[in-house]
Amino acid sequence: MPKQNYTAESLPDILTAQHISDYLGISRRRVYELFQLKPDFGGIPNFEIGFSKRVDKQDFLQWIEAKKKEKAEK
């Protein structure tokens, strides 16, 4: 499957690990590692539908902003 190029606006409202992988330019494996971490420890907030993990687009964009703010404060 060819890599998709997304902008924040073109991302769907509910994201998969593949969407996040393509958007951030990181491996899907790394996205799943970030899903395992609690948000308080830098993990991406997510929820489960059956065995599938999904992320609300707004939660994801807020997570990115928090990461940028965290970096700026260091």
N, C-alpha and C. Protein backbone atom coordinates (compact mmCIF):
# COMPACT_ATOMS: atom_id res chain seq x y z
N MET A 1 0.84 -1.18 0.00
CA MET A 1 0.00 0.00 0.00
C MET A 1 0.89 1.24 0.00
N PRO A 2 0.68 2.14 -0.97
CA PRO A 2 1.54 3.33 -1.04
C PRO A 2 1.29 4.25 0.15
N LYS A 3 2.36 4.92 0.55
CA LYS A 3 2.27 5.84 1.68
C LYS A 3 1.41 7.04 1.29
N GLN A 4 0.51 7.39 2.17
CA GLN A 4 -0.39 8.52 1.96
C GLN A 4 0.23 9.77 2.58
N ASN A 5 0.10 10.88 1.90
CA ASN A 5 0.54 12.15 2.47
C ASN A 5 -0.68 12.90 2.98
N TYR A 6 -0.71 13.11 4.28
CA TYR A 6 -1.84 13.79 4.91
C TYR A 6 -1.44 15.16 5.40
N THR A 7 -2.41 16.05 5.41
CA THR A 7 -2.28 17.31 6.14
C THR A 7 -3.20 17.17 7.35
N ALA A 8 -3.06 18.04 8.32
CA ALA A 8 -3.94 17.98 9.49
C ALA A 8 -5.40 18.06 9.06
N GLU A 9 -5.68 18.85 8.03
CA GLU A 9 -7.06 19.02 7.57
C GLU A 9 -7.58 17.77 6.86
N SER A 10 -6.71 17.05 6.16
CA SER A 10 -7.18 15.91 5.37
C SER A 10 -7.25 14.60 6.16
N LEU A 11 -6.75 14.61 7.40
CA LEU A 11 -6.87 13.40 8.22
C LEU A 11 -8.34 13.12 8.52
N PRO A 12 -8.74 11.84 8.55
CA PRO A 12 -10.12 11.54 8.93
C PRO A 12 -10.35 11.84 10.41
N ASP A 13 -11.60 11.87 10.83
CA ASP A 13 -11.93 12.20 12.22
C ASP A 13 -11.48 11.12 13.19
N ILE A 14 -11.46 9.86 12.75
CA ILE A 14 -10.98 8.75 13.55
C ILE A 14 -9.77 8.15 12.84
N LEU A 15 -8.65 8.08 13.55
CA LEU A 15 -7.38 7.68 12.95
C LEU A 15 -6.98 6.26 13.32
N THR A 16 -6.30 5.61 12.37
CA THR A 16 -5.69 4.31 12.62
C THR A 16 -4.19 4.51 12.83
N ALA A 17 -3.52 3.46 13.25
CA ALA A 17 -2.06 3.53 13.38
C ALA A 17 -1.41 3.88 12.04
N GLN A 18 -1.99 3.38 10.95
CA GLN A 18 -1.43 3.67 9.62
C GLN A 18 -1.54 5.16 9.29
N HIS A 19 -2.67 5.78 9.60
CA HIS A 19 -2.82 7.23 9.36
C HIS A 19 -1.72 7.99 10.12
N ILE A 20 -1.54 7.64 11.39
CA ILE A 20 -0.56 8.33 12.23
C ILE A 20 0.85 8.08 11.73
N SER A 21 1.13 6.85 11.35
CA SER A 21 2.43 6.49 10.80
C SER A 21 2.76 7.33 9.57
N ASP A 22 1.80 7.40 8.65
CA ASP A 22 2.00 8.18 7.43
C ASP A 22 2.17 9.66 7.74
N TYR A 23 1.35 10.19 8.64
CA TYR A 23 1.38 11.62 8.97
C TYR A 23 2.69 12.02 9.64
N LEU A 24 3.15 11.20 10.59
CA LEU A 24 4.36 11.54 11.33
C LEU A 24 5.64 11.04 10.67
N GLY A 25 5.51 10.15 9.69
CA GLY A 25 6.70 9.60 9.04
C GLY A 25 7.47 8.66 9.95
N ILE A 26 6.73 7.92 10.79
CA ILE A 26 7.36 6.93 11.67
C ILE A 26 6.73 5.57 11.38
N SER A 27 7.34 4.52 11.89
CA SER A 27 6.82 3.18 11.62
C SER A 27 5.52 2.93 12.38
N ARG A 28 4.71 2.02 11.84
CA ARG A 28 3.49 1.63 12.55
C ARG A 28 3.84 0.98 13.87
N ARG A 29 4.95 0.25 13.88
CA ARG A 29 5.39 -0.39 15.13
C ARG A 29 5.61 0.68 16.21
N ARG A 30 6.24 1.79 15.86
CA ARG A 30 6.48 2.88 16.83
C ARG A 30 5.16 3.49 17.29
N VAL A 31 4.20 3.62 16.37
CA VAL A 31 2.89 4.15 16.75
C VAL A 31 2.25 3.24 17.80
N TYR A 32 2.32 1.92 17.57
CA TYR A 32 1.74 0.99 18.55
C TYR A 32 2.48 1.06 19.88
N GLU A 33 3.78 1.31 19.85
CA GLU A 33 4.53 1.51 21.10
C GLU A 33 4.00 2.74 21.84
N LEU A 34 3.72 3.81 21.09
CA LEU A 34 3.18 5.03 21.69
C LEU A 34 1.76 4.82 22.22
N PHE A 35 1.01 3.90 21.58
CA PHE A 35 -0.32 3.55 22.08
C PHE A 35 -0.22 2.85 23.44
N GLN A 36 0.84 2.12 23.67
CA GLN A 36 1.00 1.37 24.91
C GLN A 36 1.30 2.28 26.10
N LEU A 37 1.93 3.43 25.83
CA LEU A 37 2.27 4.36 26.91
C LEU A 37 1.03 5.14 27.34
N LYS A 38 0.94 5.40 28.62
CA LYS A 38 -0.13 6.26 29.11
C LYS A 38 0.12 7.69 28.61
N PRO A 39 -0.94 8.42 28.28
CA PRO A 39 -0.76 9.80 27.80
C PRO A 39 0.09 10.66 28.74
N ASP A 40 -0.01 10.42 30.05
CA ASP A 40 0.80 11.19 31.01
C ASP A 40 2.29 10.97 30.81
N PHE A 41 2.65 9.87 30.15
CA PHE A 41 4.06 9.54 29.92
C PHE A 41 4.43 9.67 28.44
N GLY A 42 3.66 10.46 27.70
CA GLY A 42 4.00 10.74 26.31
C GLY A 42 3.29 9.89 25.28
N GLY A 43 2.41 9.01 25.74
CA GLY A 43 1.69 8.14 24.81
C GLY A 43 0.57 8.86 24.07
N ILE A 44 0.20 8.31 22.92
CA ILE A 44 -0.90 8.87 22.14
C ILE A 44 -2.22 8.36 22.73
N PRO A 45 -3.14 9.26 23.11
CA PRO A 45 -4.43 8.81 23.63
C PRO A 45 -5.18 8.00 22.57
N ASN A 46 -5.72 6.86 22.95
CA ASN A 46 -6.43 6.02 21.99
C ASN A 46 -7.54 5.26 22.69
N PHE A 47 -8.36 4.63 21.87
CA PHE A 47 -9.44 3.79 22.39
C PHE A 47 -9.53 2.55 21.52
N GLU A 48 -10.22 1.54 22.04
CA GLU A 48 -10.31 0.27 21.32
C GLU A 48 -11.71 0.05 20.78
N ILE A 49 -11.76 -0.50 19.58
CA ILE A 49 -12.99 -1.02 19.00
C ILE A 49 -12.66 -2.47 18.70
N GLY A 50 -13.15 -3.36 19.54
CA GLY A 50 -12.73 -4.76 19.44
C GLY A 50 -11.25 -4.83 19.76
N PHE A 51 -10.48 -5.40 18.84
CA PHE A 51 -9.03 -5.49 19.03
C PHE A 51 -8.29 -4.35 18.34
N SER A 52 -9.02 -3.47 17.65
CA SER A 52 -8.40 -2.38 16.90
C SER A 52 -8.27 -1.13 17.76
N LYS A 53 -7.16 -0.47 17.63
CA LYS A 53 -6.92 0.79 18.34
C LYS A 53 -7.25 1.94 17.39
N ARG A 54 -7.92 2.93 17.92
CA ARG A 54 -8.27 4.11 17.14
C ARG A 54 -7.97 5.36 17.96
N VAL A 55 -7.80 6.48 17.24
CA VAL A 55 -7.47 7.75 17.89
C VAL A 55 -8.39 8.84 17.34
N ASP A 56 -8.97 9.61 18.23
CA ASP A 56 -9.76 10.76 17.82
C ASP A 56 -8.81 11.82 17.26
N LYS A 57 -9.15 12.36 16.11
CA LYS A 57 -8.28 13.34 15.44
C LYS A 57 -7.93 14.51 16.35
N GLN A 58 -8.91 15.04 17.08
CA GLN A 58 -8.64 16.19 17.95
C GLN A 58 -7.67 15.82 19.08
N ASP A 59 -7.83 14.60 19.63
CA ASP A 59 -6.89 14.14 20.66
C ASP A 59 -5.48 14.06 20.10
N PHE A 60 -5.36 13.57 18.87
CA PHE A 60 -4.05 13.44 18.22
C PHE A 60 -3.41 14.81 17.99
N LEU A 61 -4.19 15.75 17.48
CA LEU A 61 -3.64 17.09 17.21
C LEU A 61 -3.26 17.79 18.52
N GLN A 62 -4.05 17.57 19.58
CA GLN A 62 -3.69 18.14 20.89
C GLN A 62 -2.42 17.48 21.43
N TRP A 63 -2.26 16.19 21.17
CA TRP A 63 -1.05 15.47 21.60
C TRP A 63 0.19 16.08 20.91
N ILE A 64 0.07 16.37 19.63
CA ILE A 64 1.19 16.99 18.89
C ILE A 64 1.51 18.36 19.49
N GLU A 65 0.49 19.16 19.76
CA GLU A 65 0.71 20.49 20.34
C GLU A 65 1.38 20.38 21.71
N ALA A 66 0.96 19.40 22.50
CA ALA A 66 1.57 19.21 23.83
C ALA A 66 3.04 18.82 23.69
N LYS A 67 3.35 18.00 22.69
CA LYS A 67 4.75 17.59 22.45
C LYS A 67 5.59 18.82 22.07
N LYS A 68 5.03 19.68 21.22
CA LYS A 68 5.76 20.88 20.81
C LYS A 68 5.98 21.82 21.98
N LYS A 69 4.94 21.98 22.83
CA LYS A 69 5.04 22.85 23.99
C LYS A 69 6.06 22.30 24.98
N GLU A 70 6.03 20.98 25.19
CA GLU A 70 6.98 20.31 26.08
C GLU A 70 8.42 20.56 25.63
N LYS A 71 8.65 20.47 24.34
CA LYS A 71 9.99 20.69 23.78
C LYS A 71 10.42 22.15 23.97
N ALA A 72 9.49 23.07 23.75
CA ALA A 72 9.80 24.50 23.88
C ALA A 72 10.15 24.88 25.31
N GLU A 73 9.60 24.14 26.28
CA GLU A 73 9.83 24.46 27.69
C GLU A 73 11.14 23.90 28.21
N LYS A 74 11.80 23.05 27.43
CA LYS A 74 13.05 22.45 27.90
C LYS A 74 14.22 23.36 27.66
